[in-house]
Amino acid sequence: RPRRSRPRHPAPPESSMFAHDDDEVRNR
C-alpha cells in the first residue's frame, strides 16, 4: 500500500526569509 509521507512544513516566503537581514542593515 502507498506509504504516507510525513507532512512537510511549507517553506517561508522568500521576502520573509530576508526581512530580518534587511532590518539589521537599516539599523546599522
mmCIF file of all heavy atoms, coordinates in Angstrom:
data_MODEL
# 
_entry.id   MODEL 
# 
loop_
_atom_site.group_PDB 
_atom_site.id 
_atom_site.type_symbol 
_atom_site.label_atom_id 
_atom_site.label_alt_id 
_atom_site.label_comp_id 
_atom_site.label_asym_id 
_atom_site.label_entity_id 
_atom_site.label_seq_id 
_atom_site.pdbx_PDB_ins_code 
_atom_site.Cartn_x 
_atom_site.Cartn_y 
_atom_site.Cartn_z 
_atom_site.occupancy 
_atom_site.B_iso_or_equiv 
_atom_site.pdbx_formal_charge 
_atom_site.auth_seq_id 
_atom_site.auth_comp_id 
_atom_site.auth_asym_id 
_atom_site.auth_atom_id 
_atom_site.pdbx_PDB_model_num 
ATOM 1   N N   . ARG A 1 1  ? 0.838  -1.192 0.000  1.00 0.00 ? 1  ARG A N   1 
ATOM 2   C CA  . ARG A 1 1  ? 0.000  0.000  0.000  1.00 0.00 ? 1  ARG A CA  1 
ATOM 3   C C   . ARG A 1 1  ? 0.875  1.244  0.000  1.00 0.00 ? 1  ARG A C   1 
ATOM 4   O O   . ARG A 1 1  ? 1.995  1.230  0.520  1.00 0.00 ? 1  ARG A O   1 
ATOM 5   C CB  . ARG A 1 1  ? -0.907 0.000  1.228  1.00 0.00 ? 1  ARG A CB  1 
ATOM 6   C CG  . ARG A 1 1  ? -0.159 0.056  2.549  1.00 0.00 ? 1  ARG A CG  1 
ATOM 7   C CD  . ARG A 1 1  ? -1.125 0.014  3.718  1.00 0.00 ? 1  ARG A CD  1 
ATOM 8   N NE  . ARG A 1 1  ? -0.410 0.028  4.985  1.00 0.00 ? 1  ARG A NE  1 
ATOM 9   C CZ  . ARG A 1 1  ? -1.020 -0.031 6.170  1.00 0.00 ? 1  ARG A CZ  1 
ATOM 10  N NH1 . ARG A 1 1  ? -2.340 -0.110 6.233  1.00 0.00 ? 1  ARG A NH1 1 
ATOM 11  N NH2 . ARG A 1 1  ? -0.303 -0.009 7.278  1.00 0.00 ? 1  ARG A NH2 1 
ATOM 12  N N   . PRO A 1 2  ? 0.418  2.338  -0.562 1.00 0.00 ? 2  PRO A N   1 
ATOM 13  C CA  . PRO A 1 2  ? 1.231  3.560  -0.587 1.00 0.00 ? 2  PRO A CA  1 
ATOM 14  C C   . PRO A 1 2  ? 1.533  4.038  0.826  1.00 0.00 ? 2  PRO A C   1 
ATOM 15  O O   . PRO A 1 2  ? 0.647  4.127  1.674  1.00 0.00 ? 2  PRO A O   1 
ATOM 16  C CB  . PRO A 1 2  ? 0.343  4.557  -1.335 1.00 0.00 ? 2  PRO A CB  1 
ATOM 17  C CG  . PRO A 1 2  ? -0.619 3.718  -2.098 1.00 0.00 ? 2  PRO A CG  1 
ATOM 18  C CD  . PRO A 1 2  ? -0.847 2.492  -1.271 1.00 0.00 ? 2  PRO A CD  1 
ATOM 19  N N   . ARG A 1 3  ? 2.781  4.300  1.061  1.00 0.00 ? 3  ARG A N   1 
ATOM 20  C CA  . ARG A 1 3  ? 3.194  4.777  2.378  1.00 0.00 ? 3  ARG A CA  1 
ATOM 21  C C   . ARG A 1 3  ? 2.913  6.269  2.507  1.00 0.00 ? 3  ARG A C   1 
ATOM 22  O O   . ARG A 1 3  ? 3.219  7.058  1.619  1.00 0.00 ? 3  ARG A O   1 
ATOM 23  C CB  . ARG A 1 3  ? 4.683  4.505  2.599  1.00 0.00 ? 3  ARG A CB  1 
ATOM 24  C CG  . ARG A 1 3  ? 5.017  3.015  2.588  1.00 0.00 ? 3  ARG A CG  1 
ATOM 25  C CD  . ARG A 1 3  ? 6.494  2.802  2.825  1.00 0.00 ? 3  ARG A CD  1 
ATOM 26  N NE  . ARG A 1 3  ? 6.829  1.383  2.848  1.00 0.00 ? 3  ARG A NE  1 
ATOM 27  C CZ  . ARG A 1 3  ? 8.064  0.917  3.027  1.00 0.00 ? 3  ARG A CZ  1 
ATOM 28  N NH1 . ARG A 1 3  ? 9.078  1.771  3.188  1.00 0.00 ? 3  ARG A NH1 1 
ATOM 29  N NH2 . ARG A 1 3  ? 8.269  -0.380 3.027  1.00 0.00 ? 3  ARG A NH2 1 
ATOM 30  N N   . ARG A 1 4  ? 2.317  6.613  3.628  1.00 0.00 ? 4  ARG A N   1 
ATOM 31  C CA  . ARG A 1 4  ? 2.015  8.018  3.866  1.00 0.00 ? 4  ARG A CA  1 
ATOM 32  C C   . ARG A 1 4  ? 3.286  8.776  4.218  1.00 0.00 ? 4  ARG A C   1 
ATOM 33  O O   . ARG A 1 4  ? 4.022  8.391  5.119  1.00 0.00 ? 4  ARG A O   1 
ATOM 34  C CB  . ARG A 1 4  ? 1.007  8.144  5.009  1.00 0.00 ? 4  ARG A CB  1 
ATOM 35  C CG  . ARG A 1 4  ? -0.354 7.518  4.707  1.00 0.00 ? 4  ARG A CG  1 
ATOM 36  C CD  . ARG A 1 4  ? -1.289 7.696  5.891  1.00 0.00 ? 4  ARG A CD  1 
ATOM 37  N NE  . ARG A 1 4  ? -2.598 7.108  5.609  1.00 0.00 ? 4  ARG A NE  1 
ATOM 38  C CZ  . ARG A 1 4  ? -3.585 7.077  6.494  1.00 0.00 ? 4  ARG A CZ  1 
ATOM 39  N NH1 . ARG A 1 4  ? -3.396 7.603  7.718  1.00 0.00 ? 4  ARG A NH1 1 
ATOM 40  N NH2 . ARG A 1 4  ? -4.737 6.526  6.176  1.00 0.00 ? 4  ARG A NH2 1 
ATOM 41  N N   . SER A 1 5  ? 3.528  9.816  3.494  1.00 0.00 ? 5  SER A N   1 
ATOM 42  C CA  . SER A 1 5  ? 4.708  10.635 3.774  1.00 0.00 ? 5  SER A CA  1 
ATOM 43  C C   . SER A 1 5  ? 4.389  11.635 4.865  1.00 0.00 ? 5  SER A C   1 
ATOM 44  O O   . SER A 1 5  ? 3.253  12.103 5.002  1.00 0.00 ? 5  SER A O   1 
ATOM 45  C CB  . SER A 1 5  ? 5.147  11.374 2.500  1.00 0.00 ? 5  SER A CB  1 
ATOM 46  O OG  . SER A 1 5  ? 4.087  12.178 2.018  1.00 0.00 ? 5  SER A OG  1 
ATOM 47  N N   . ARG A 1 6  ? 5.358  11.935 5.647  1.00 0.00 ? 6  ARG A N   1 
ATOM 48  C CA  . ARG A 1 6  ? 5.179  12.896 6.730  1.00 0.00 ? 6  ARG A CA  1 
ATOM 49  C C   . ARG A 1 6  ? 4.884  14.277 6.172  1.00 0.00 ? 6  ARG A C   1 
ATOM 50  O O   . ARG A 1 6  ? 5.503  14.704 5.184  1.00 0.00 ? 6  ARG A O   1 
ATOM 51  C CB  . ARG A 1 6  ? 6.436  12.948 7.600  1.00 0.00 ? 6  ARG A CB  1 
ATOM 52  C CG  . ARG A 1 6  ? 6.716  11.632 8.319  1.00 0.00 ? 6  ARG A CG  1 
ATOM 53  C CD  . ARG A 1 6  ? 7.962  11.771 9.175  1.00 0.00 ? 6  ARG A CD  1 
ATOM 54  N NE  . ARG A 1 6  ? 8.235  10.536 9.889  1.00 0.00 ? 6  ARG A NE  1 
ATOM 55  C CZ  . ARG A 1 6  ? 9.282  10.374 10.710 1.00 0.00 ? 6  ARG A CZ  1 
ATOM 56  N NH1 . ARG A 1 6  ? 10.151 11.387 10.889 1.00 0.00 ? 6  ARG A NH1 1 
ATOM 57  N NH2 . ARG A 1 6  ? 9.458  9.225  11.320 1.00 0.00 ? 6  ARG A NH2 1 
ATOM 58  N N   . PRO A 1 7  ? 3.949  14.987 6.771  1.00 0.00 ? 7  PRO A N   1 
ATOM 59  C CA  . PRO A 1 7  ? 3.643  16.336 6.259  1.00 0.00 ? 7  PRO A CA  1 
ATOM 60  C C   . PRO A 1 7  ? 4.835  17.265 6.447  1.00 0.00 ? 7  PRO A C   1 
ATOM 61  O O   . PRO A 1 7  ? 5.483  17.296 7.494  1.00 0.00 ? 7  PRO A O   1 
ATOM 62  C CB  . PRO A 1 7  ? 2.453  16.774 7.122  1.00 0.00 ? 7  PRO A CB  1 
ATOM 63  C CG  . PRO A 1 7  ? 2.534  15.927 8.350  1.00 0.00 ? 7  PRO A CG  1 
ATOM 64  C CD  . PRO A 1 7  ? 3.126  14.624 7.926  1.00 0.00 ? 7  PRO A CD  1 
ATOM 65  N N   . ARG A 1 8  ? 5.116  17.985 5.415  1.00 0.00 ? 8  ARG A N   1 
ATOM 66  C CA  . ARG A 1 8  ? 6.238  18.911 5.449  1.00 0.00 ? 8  ARG A CA  1 
ATOM 67  C C   . ARG A 1 8  ? 5.723  20.326 5.697  1.00 0.00 ? 8  ARG A C   1 
ATOM 68  O O   . ARG A 1 8  ? 4.728  20.741 5.113  1.00 0.00 ? 8  ARG A O   1 
ATOM 69  C CB  . ARG A 1 8  ? 7.008  18.861 4.129  1.00 0.00 ? 8  ARG A CB  1 
ATOM 70  C CG  . ARG A 1 8  ? 7.627  17.496 3.841  1.00 0.00 ? 8  ARG A CG  1 
ATOM 71  C CD  . ARG A 1 8  ? 8.362  17.533 2.515  1.00 0.00 ? 8  ARG A CD  1 
ATOM 72  N NE  . ARG A 1 8  ? 8.981  16.245 2.229  1.00 0.00 ? 8  ARG A NE  1 
ATOM 73  C CZ  . ARG A 1 8  ? 9.668  16.000 1.122  1.00 0.00 ? 8  ARG A CZ  1 
ATOM 74  N NH1 . ARG A 1 8  ? 9.825  16.961 0.203  1.00 0.00 ? 8  ARG A NH1 1 
ATOM 75  N NH2 . ARG A 1 8  ? 10.199 14.811 0.931  1.00 0.00 ? 8  ARG A NH2 1 
ATOM 76  N N   . HIS A 1 9  ? 6.419  21.053 6.553  1.00 0.00 ? 9  HIS A N   1 
ATOM 77  C CA  . HIS A 1 9  ? 6.042  22.435 6.823  1.00 0.00 ? 9  HIS A CA  1 
ATOM 78  C C   . HIS A 1 9  ? 6.382  23.288 5.610  1.00 0.00 ? 9  HIS A C   1 
ATOM 79  O O   . HIS A 1 9  ? 7.491  23.187 5.055  1.00 0.00 ? 9  HIS A O   1 
ATOM 80  C CB  . HIS A 1 9  ? 6.783  22.960 8.054  1.00 0.00 ? 9  HIS A CB  1 
ATOM 81  C CG  . HIS A 1 9  ? 6.428  22.189 9.292  1.00 0.00 ? 9  HIS A CG  1 
ATOM 82  N ND1 . HIS A 1 9  ? 5.215  22.323 9.916  1.00 0.00 ? 9  HIS A ND1 1 
ATOM 83  C CD2 . HIS A 1 9  ? 7.134  21.270 10.001 1.00 0.00 ? 9  HIS A CD2 1 
ATOM 84  C CE1 . HIS A 1 9  ? 5.180  21.524 10.980 1.00 0.00 ? 9  HIS A CE1 1 
ATOM 85  N NE2 . HIS A 1 9  ? 6.329  20.877 11.046 1.00 0.00 ? 9  HIS A NE2 1 
ATOM 86  N N   . PRO A 1 10 ? 5.468  24.104 5.165  1.00 0.00 ? 10 PRO A N   1 
ATOM 87  C CA  . PRO A 1 10 ? 5.770  24.925 3.976  1.00 0.00 ? 10 PRO A CA  1 
ATOM 88  C C   . PRO A 1 10 ? 6.894  25.909 4.252  1.00 0.00 ? 10 PRO A C   1 
ATOM 89  O O   . PRO A 1 10 ? 7.027  26.456 5.353  1.00 0.00 ? 10 PRO A O   1 
ATOM 90  C CB  . PRO A 1 10 ? 4.436  25.660 3.721  1.00 0.00 ? 10 PRO A CB  1 
ATOM 91  C CG  . PRO A 1 10 ? 3.722  25.625 5.041  1.00 0.00 ? 10 PRO A CG  1 
ATOM 92  C CD  . PRO A 1 10 ? 4.136  24.340 5.707  1.00 0.00 ? 10 PRO A CD  1 
ATOM 93  N N   . ALA A 1 11 ? 7.718  26.066 3.247  1.00 0.00 ? 11 ALA A N   1 
ATOM 94  C CA  . ALA A 1 11 ? 8.862  26.975 3.391  1.00 0.00 ? 11 ALA A CA  1 
ATOM 95  C C   . ALA A 1 11 ? 8.357  28.409 3.468  1.00 0.00 ? 11 ALA A C   1 
ATOM 96  O O   . ALA A 1 11 ? 7.380  28.778 2.802  1.00 0.00 ? 11 ALA A O   1 
ATOM 97  C CB  . ALA A 1 11 ? 9.799  26.819 2.197  1.00 0.00 ? 11 ALA A CB  1 
ATOM 98  N N   . PRO A 1 12 ? 8.970  29.221 4.278  1.00 0.00 ? 12 PRO A N   1 
ATOM 99  C CA  . PRO A 1 12 ? 8.539  30.623 4.388  1.00 0.00 ? 12 PRO A CA  1 
ATOM 100 C C   . PRO A 1 12 ? 8.792  31.354 3.090  1.00 0.00 ? 12 PRO A C   1 
ATOM 101 O O   . PRO A 1 12 ? 9.687  31.007 2.315  1.00 0.00 ? 12 PRO A O   1 
ATOM 102 C CB  . PRO A 1 12 ? 9.415  31.175 5.512  1.00 0.00 ? 12 PRO A CB  1 
ATOM 103 C CG  . PRO A 1 12 ? 10.600 30.281 5.557  1.00 0.00 ? 12 PRO A CG  1 
ATOM 104 C CD  . PRO A 1 12 ? 10.118 28.929 5.155  1.00 0.00 ? 12 PRO A CD  1 
ATOM 105 N N   . PRO A 1 13 ? 8.010  32.359 2.775  1.00 0.00 ? 13 PRO A N   1 
ATOM 106 C CA  . PRO A 1 13 ? 8.233  33.132 1.541  1.00 0.00 ? 13 PRO A CA  1 
ATOM 107 C C   . PRO A 1 13 ? 9.622  33.742 1.518  1.00 0.00 ? 13 PRO A C   1 
ATOM 108 O O   . PRO A 1 13 ? 10.228 33.996 2.565  1.00 0.00 ? 13 PRO A O   1 
ATOM 109 C CB  . PRO A 1 13 ? 7.145  34.214 1.593  1.00 0.00 ? 13 PRO A CB  1 
ATOM 110 C CG  . PRO A 1 13 ? 6.122  33.668 2.534  1.00 0.00 ? 13 PRO A CG  1 
ATOM 111 C CD  . PRO A 1 13 ? 6.849  32.830 3.522  1.00 0.00 ? 13 PRO A CD  1 
ATOM 112 N N   . GLU A 1 14 ? 10.086 33.945 0.309  1.00 0.00 ? 14 GLU A N   1 
ATOM 113 C CA  . GLU A 1 14 ? 11.451 34.452 0.171  1.00 0.00 ? 14 GLU A CA  1 
ATOM 114 C C   . GLU A 1 14 ? 11.602 35.840 0.783  1.00 0.00 ? 14 GLU A C   1 
ATOM 115 O O   . GLU A 1 14 ? 12.644 36.162 1.348  1.00 0.00 ? 14 GLU A O   1 
ATOM 116 C CB  . GLU A 1 14 ? 11.818 34.492 -1.309 1.00 0.00 ? 14 GLU A CB  1 
ATOM 117 C CG  . GLU A 1 14 ? 13.260 34.927 -1.563 1.00 0.00 ? 14 GLU A CG  1 
ATOM 118 C CD  . GLU A 1 14 ? 13.613 34.881 -3.022 1.00 0.00 ? 14 GLU A CD  1 
ATOM 119 O OE1 . GLU A 1 14 ? 12.764 34.425 -3.817 1.00 0.00 ? 14 GLU A OE1 1 
ATOM 120 O OE2 . GLU A 1 14 ? 14.730 35.298 -3.368 1.00 0.00 ? 14 GLU A OE2 1 
ATOM 121 N N   . SER A 1 15 ? 10.555 36.660 0.705  1.00 0.00 ? 15 SER A N   1 
ATOM 122 C CA  . SER A 1 15 ? 10.656 38.012 1.255  1.00 0.00 ? 15 SER A CA  1 
ATOM 123 C C   . SER A 1 15 ? 10.820 37.981 2.771  1.00 0.00 ? 15 SER A C   1 
ATOM 124 O O   . SER A 1 15 ? 11.588 38.743 3.345  1.00 0.00 ? 15 SER A O   1 
ATOM 125 C CB  . SER A 1 15 ? 9.416  38.814 0.884  1.00 0.00 ? 15 SER A CB  1 
ATOM 126 O OG  . SER A 1 15 ? 8.243  38.157 1.359  1.00 0.00 ? 15 SER A OG  1 
ATOM 127 N N   . SER A 1 16 ? 10.103 37.013 3.429  1.00 0.00 ? 16 SER A N   1 
ATOM 128 C CA  . SER A 1 16 ? 10.215 36.941 4.885  1.00 0.00 ? 16 SER A CA  1 
ATOM 129 C C   . SER A 1 16 ? 11.536 36.352 5.319  1.00 0.00 ? 16 SER A C   1 
ATOM 130 O O   . SER A 1 16 ? 11.991 36.568 6.439  1.00 0.00 ? 16 SER A O   1 
ATOM 131 C CB  . SER A 1 16 ? 9.052  36.124 5.444  1.00 0.00 ? 16 SER A CB  1 
ATOM 132 O OG  . SER A 1 16 ? 9.128  34.789 4.940  1.00 0.00 ? 16 SER A OG  1 
ATOM 133 N N   . MET A 1 17 ? 12.169 35.541 4.435  1.00 0.00 ? 17 MET A N   1 
ATOM 134 C CA  . MET A 1 17 ? 13.454 34.943 4.790  1.00 0.00 ? 17 MET A CA  1 
ATOM 135 C C   . MET A 1 17 ? 14.516 36.014 4.974  1.00 0.00 ? 17 MET A C   1 
ATOM 136 O O   . MET A 1 17 ? 15.416 35.885 5.800  1.00 0.00 ? 17 MET A O   1 
ATOM 137 C CB  . MET A 1 17 ? 13.898 33.948 3.700  1.00 0.00 ? 17 MET A CB  1 
ATOM 138 C CG  . MET A 1 17 ? 13.013 32.710 3.605  1.00 0.00 ? 17 MET A CG  1 
ATOM 139 S SD  . MET A 1 17 ? 13.507 31.659 2.228  1.00 0.00 ? 17 MET A SD  1 
ATOM 140 C CE  . MET A 1 17 ? 15.193 31.289 2.677  1.00 0.00 ? 17 MET A CE  1 
ATOM 141 N N   . PHE A 1 18 ? 14.448 37.081 4.188  1.00 0.00 ? 18 PHE A N   1 
ATOM 142 C CA  . PHE A 1 18 ? 15.487 38.093 4.252  1.00 0.00 ? 18 PHE A CA  1 
ATOM 143 C C   . PHE A 1 18 ? 15.010 39.359 4.958  1.00 0.00 ? 18 PHE A C   1 
ATOM 144 O O   . PHE A 1 18 ? 15.716 40.360 4.979  1.00 0.00 ? 18 PHE A O   1 
ATOM 145 C CB  . PHE A 1 18 ? 15.943 38.471 2.828  1.00 0.00 ? 18 PHE A CB  1 
ATOM 146 C CG  . PHE A 1 18 ? 16.514 37.307 2.066  1.00 0.00 ? 18 PHE A CG  1 
ATOM 147 C CD1 . PHE A 1 18 ? 15.727 36.607 1.170  1.00 0.00 ? 18 PHE A CD1 1 
ATOM 148 C CD2 . PHE A 1 18 ? 17.827 36.925 2.267  1.00 0.00 ? 18 PHE A CD2 1 
ATOM 149 C CE1 . PHE A 1 18 ? 16.237 35.544 0.467  1.00 0.00 ? 18 PHE A CE1 1 
ATOM 150 C CE2 . PHE A 1 18 ? 18.345 35.858 1.560  1.00 0.00 ? 18 PHE A CE2 1 
ATOM 151 C CZ  . PHE A 1 18 ? 17.555 35.155 0.661  1.00 0.00 ? 18 PHE A CZ  1 
ATOM 152 N N   . ALA A 1 19 ? 13.783 39.311 5.508  1.00 0.00 ? 19 ALA A N   1 
ATOM 153 C CA  . ALA A 1 19 ? 13.275 40.511 6.190  1.00 0.00 ? 19 ALA A CA  1 
ATOM 154 C C   . ALA A 1 19 ? 14.119 40.856 7.402  1.00 0.00 ? 19 ALA A C   1 
ATOM 155 O O   . ALA A 1 19 ? 14.429 42.020 7.659  1.00 0.00 ? 19 ALA A O   1 
ATOM 156 C CB  . ALA A 1 19 ? 11.808 40.302 6.584  1.00 0.00 ? 19 ALA A CB  1 
ATOM 157 N N   . HIS A 1 20 ? 14.521 39.833 8.161  1.00 0.00 ? 20 HIS A N   1 
ATOM 158 C CA  . HIS A 1 20 ? 15.321 40.082 9.353  1.00 0.00 ? 20 HIS A CA  1 
ATOM 159 C C   . HIS A 1 20 ? 16.670 40.680 8.994  1.00 0.00 ? 20 HIS A C   1 
ATOM 160 O O   . HIS A 1 20 ? 17.153 41.607 9.658  1.00 0.00 ? 20 HIS A O   1 
ATOM 161 C CB  . HIS A 1 20 ? 15.492 38.780 10.127 1.00 0.00 ? 20 HIS A CB  1 
ATOM 162 C CG  . HIS A 1 20 ? 16.279 38.936 11.400 1.00 0.00 ? 20 HIS A CG  1 
ATOM 163 N ND1 . HIS A 1 20 ? 15.780 39.623 12.485 1.00 0.00 ? 20 HIS A ND1 1 
ATOM 164 C CD2 . HIS A 1 20 ? 17.541 38.508 11.727 1.00 0.00 ? 20 HIS A CD2 1 
ATOM 165 C CE1 . HIS A 1 20 ? 16.685 39.613 13.460 1.00 0.00 ? 20 HIS A CE1 1 
ATOM 166 N NE2 . HIS A 1 20 ? 17.752 38.934 13.008 1.00 0.00 ? 20 HIS A NE2 1 
ATOM 167 N N   . ASP A 1 21 ? 17.272 40.207 7.906  1.00 0.00 ? 21 ASP A N   1 
ATOM 168 C CA  . ASP A 1 21 ? 18.566 40.758 7.488  1.00 0.00 ? 21 ASP A CA  1 
ATOM 169 C C   . ASP A 1 21 ? 18.432 42.214 7.043  1.00 0.00 ? 21 ASP A C   1 
ATOM 170 O O   . ASP A 1 21 ? 19.290 43.052 7.313  1.00 0.00 ? 21 ASP A O   1 
ATOM 171 C CB  . ASP A 1 21 ? 19.146 39.918 6.344  1.00 0.00 ? 21 ASP A CB  1 
ATOM 172 C CG  . ASP A 1 21 ? 19.455 38.488 6.800  1.00 0.00 ? 21 ASP A CG  1 
ATOM 173 O OD1 . ASP A 1 21 ? 19.595 38.302 8.031  1.00 0.00 ? 21 ASP A OD1 1 
ATOM 174 O OD2 . ASP A 1 21 ? 19.533 37.602 5.936  1.00 0.00 ? 21 ASP A OD2 1 
ATOM 175 N N   . ASP A 1 22 ? 17.335 42.551 6.361  1.00 0.00 ? 22 ASP A N   1 
ATOM 176 C CA  . ASP A 1 22 ? 17.155 43.910 5.909  1.00 0.00 ? 22 ASP A CA  1 
ATOM 177 C C   . ASP A 1 22 ? 16.971 44.865 7.102  1.00 0.00 ? 22 ASP A C   1 
ATOM 178 O O   . ASP A 1 22 ? 17.472 45.987 7.088  1.00 0.00 ? 22 ASP A O   1 
ATOM 179 C CB  . ASP A 1 22 ? 15.921 44.021 5.004  1.00 0.00 ? 22 ASP A CB  1 
ATOM 180 C CG  . ASP A 1 22 ? 16.128 43.247 3.695  1.00 0.00 ? 22 ASP A CG  1 
ATOM 181 O OD1 . ASP A 1 22 ? 17.294 42.993 3.371  1.00 0.00 ? 22 ASP A OD1 1 
ATOM 182 O OD2 . ASP A 1 22 ? 15.121 42.906 3.042  1.00 0.00 ? 22 ASP A OD2 1 
ATOM 183 N N   . ASP A 1 23 ? 16.266 44.401 8.131  1.00 0.00 ? 23 ASP A N   1 
ATOM 184 C CA  . ASP A 1 23 ? 16.099 45.228 9.309  1.00 0.00 ? 23 ASP A CA  1 
ATOM 185 C C   . ASP A 1 23 ? 17.424 45.514 9.989  1.00 0.00 ? 23 ASP A C   1 
ATOM 186 O O   . ASP A 1 23 ? 17.693 46.621 10.454 1.00 0.00 ? 23 ASP A O   1 
ATOM 187 C CB  . ASP A 1 23 ? 15.151 44.561 10.308 1.00 0.00 ? 23 ASP A CB  1 
ATOM 188 C CG  . ASP A 1 23 ? 13.723 44.490 9.758  1.00 0.00 ? 23 ASP A CG  1 
ATOM 189 O OD1 . ASP A 1 23 ? 13.425 45.255 8.822  1.00 0.00 ? 23 ASP A OD1 1 
ATOM 190 O OD2 . ASP A 1 23 ? 12.958 43.621 10.247 1.00 0.00 ? 23 ASP A OD2 1 
ATOM 191 N N   . GLU A 1 24 ? 18.312 44.498 10.036 1.00 0.00 ? 24 GLU A N   1 
ATOM 192 C CA  . GLU A 1 24 ? 19.615 44.698 10.652 1.00 0.00 ? 24 GLU A CA  1 
ATOM 193 C C   . GLU A 1 24 ? 20.442 45.700 9.856  1.00 0.00 ? 24 GLU A C   1 
ATOM 194 O O   . GLU A 1 24 ? 21.150 46.527 10.423 1.00 0.00 ? 24 GLU A O   1 
ATOM 195 C CB  . GLU A 1 24 ? 20.358 43.353 10.757 1.00 0.00 ? 24 GLU A CB  1 
ATOM 196 C CG  . GLU A 1 24 ? 19.744 42.405 11.800 1.00 0.00 ? 24 GLU A CG  1 
ATOM 197 C CD  . GLU A 1 24 ? 20.575 41.157 11.932 1.00 0.00 ? 24 GLU A CD  1 
ATOM 198 O OE1 . GLU A 1 24 ? 21.532 40.996 11.140 1.00 0.00 ? 24 GLU A OE1 1 
ATOM 199 O OE2 . GLU A 1 24 ? 20.310 40.360 12.842 1.00 0.00 ? 24 GLU A OE2 1 
ATOM 200 N N   . VAL A 1 25 ? 20.336 45.635 8.531  1.00 0.00 ? 25 VAL A N   1 
ATOM 201 C CA  . VAL A 1 25 ? 21.111 46.569 7.703  1.00 0.00 ? 25 VAL A CA  1 
ATOM 202 C C   . VAL A 1 25 ? 20.615 48.002 7.913  1.00 0.00 ? 25 VAL A C   1 
ATOM 203 O O   . VAL A 1 25 ? 21.412 48.959 7.998  1.00 0.00 ? 25 VAL A O   1 
ATOM 204 C CB  . VAL A 1 25 ? 21.017 46.160 6.216  1.00 0.00 ? 25 VAL A CB  1 
ATOM 205 C CG1 . VAL A 1 25 ? 21.638 47.234 5.338  1.00 0.00 ? 25 VAL A CG1 1 
ATOM 206 C CG2 . VAL A 1 25 ? 21.710 44.820 6.013  1.00 0.00 ? 25 VAL A CG2 1 
ATOM 207 N N   . ARG A 1 26 ? 19.292 48.208 8.008  1.00 0.00 ? 26 ARG A N   1 
ATOM 208 C CA  . ARG A 1 26 ? 18.782 49.546 8.194  1.00 0.00 ? 26 ARG A CA  1 
ATOM 209 C C   . ARG A 1 26 ? 19.107 50.091 9.570  1.00 0.00 ? 26 ARG A C   1 
ATOM 210 O O   . ARG A 1 26 ? 19.266 51.312 9.754  1.00 0.00 ? 26 ARG A O   1 
ATOM 211 C CB  . ARG A 1 26 ? 17.250 49.523 7.999  1.00 0.00 ? 26 ARG A CB  1 
ATOM 212 C CG  . ARG A 1 26 ? 16.834 49.425 6.528  1.00 0.00 ? 26 ARG A CG  1 
ATOM 213 C CD  . ARG A 1 26 ? 15.347 49.754 6.390  1.00 0.00 ? 26 ARG A CD  1 
ATOM 214 N NE  . ARG A 1 26 ? 14.525 48.804 7.122  1.00 0.00 ? 26 ARG A NE  1 
ATOM 215 C CZ  . ARG A 1 26 ? 13.991 47.707 6.583  1.00 0.00 ? 26 ARG A CZ  1 
ATOM 216 N NH1 . ARG A 1 26 ? 14.227 47.453 5.322  1.00 0.00 ? 26 ARG A NH1 1 
ATOM 217 N NH2 . ARG A 1 26 ? 13.233 46.915 7.312  1.00 0.00 ? 26 ARG A NH2 1 
ATOM 218 N N   . ASN A 1 27 ? 19.242 49.240 10.575 1.00 0.00 ? 27 ASN A N   1 
ATOM 219 C CA  . ASN A 1 27 ? 19.538 49.698 11.928 1.00 0.00 ? 27 ASN A CA  1 
ATOM 220 C C   . ASN A 1 27 ? 20.992 50.040 12.128 1.00 0.00 ? 27 ASN A C   1 
ATOM 221 O O   . ASN A 1 27 ? 21.354 50.633 13.150 1.00 0.00 ? 27 ASN A O   1 
ATOM 222 C CB  . ASN A 1 27 ? 19.105 48.682 12.970 1.00 0.00 ? 27 ASN A CB  1 
ATOM 223 C CG  . ASN A 1 27 ? 17.582 48.499 12.972 1.00 0.00 ? 27 ASN A CG  1 
ATOM 224 O OD1 . ASN A 1 27 ? 16.860 49.462 12.661 1.00 0.00 ? 27 ASN A OD1 1 
ATOM 225 N ND2 . ASN A 1 27 ? 17.130 47.314 13.372 1.00 0.00 ? 27 ASN A ND2 1 
ATOM 226 N N   . ARG A 1 28 ? 21.833 49.648 11.217 1.00 0.00 ? 28 ARG A N   1 
ATOM 227 C CA  . ARG A 1 28 ? 23.265 49.940 11.368 1.00 0.00 ? 28 ARG A CA  1 
ATOM 228 C C   . ARG A 1 28 ? 23.556 51.390 11.023 1.00 0.00 ? 28 ARG A C   1 
ATOM 229 O O   . ARG A 1 28 ? 22.960 51.953 10.153 1.00 0.00 ? 28 ARG A O   1 
ATOM 230 C CB  . ARG A 1 28 ? 24.111 49.004 10.491 1.00 0.00 ? 28 ARG A CB  1 
ATOM 231 C CG  . ARG A 1 28 ? 24.106 47.552 10.993 1.00 0.00 ? 28 ARG A CG  1 
ATOM 232 C CD  . ARG A 1 28 ? 24.942 46.674 10.065 1.00 0.00 ? 28 ARG A CD  1 
ATOM 233 N NE  . ARG A 1 28 ? 24.920 45.298 10.524 1.00 0.00 ? 28 ARG A NE  1 
ATOM 234 C CZ  . ARG A 1 28 ? 25.527 44.295 9.886  1.00 0.00 ? 28 ARG A CZ  1 
ATOM 235 N NH1 . ARG A 1 28 ? 26.194 44.556 8.762  1.00 0.00 ? 28 ARG A NH1 1 
ATOM 236 N NH2 . ARG A 1 28 ? 25.464 43.093 10.372 1.00 0.00 ? 28 ARG A NH2 1 
# 
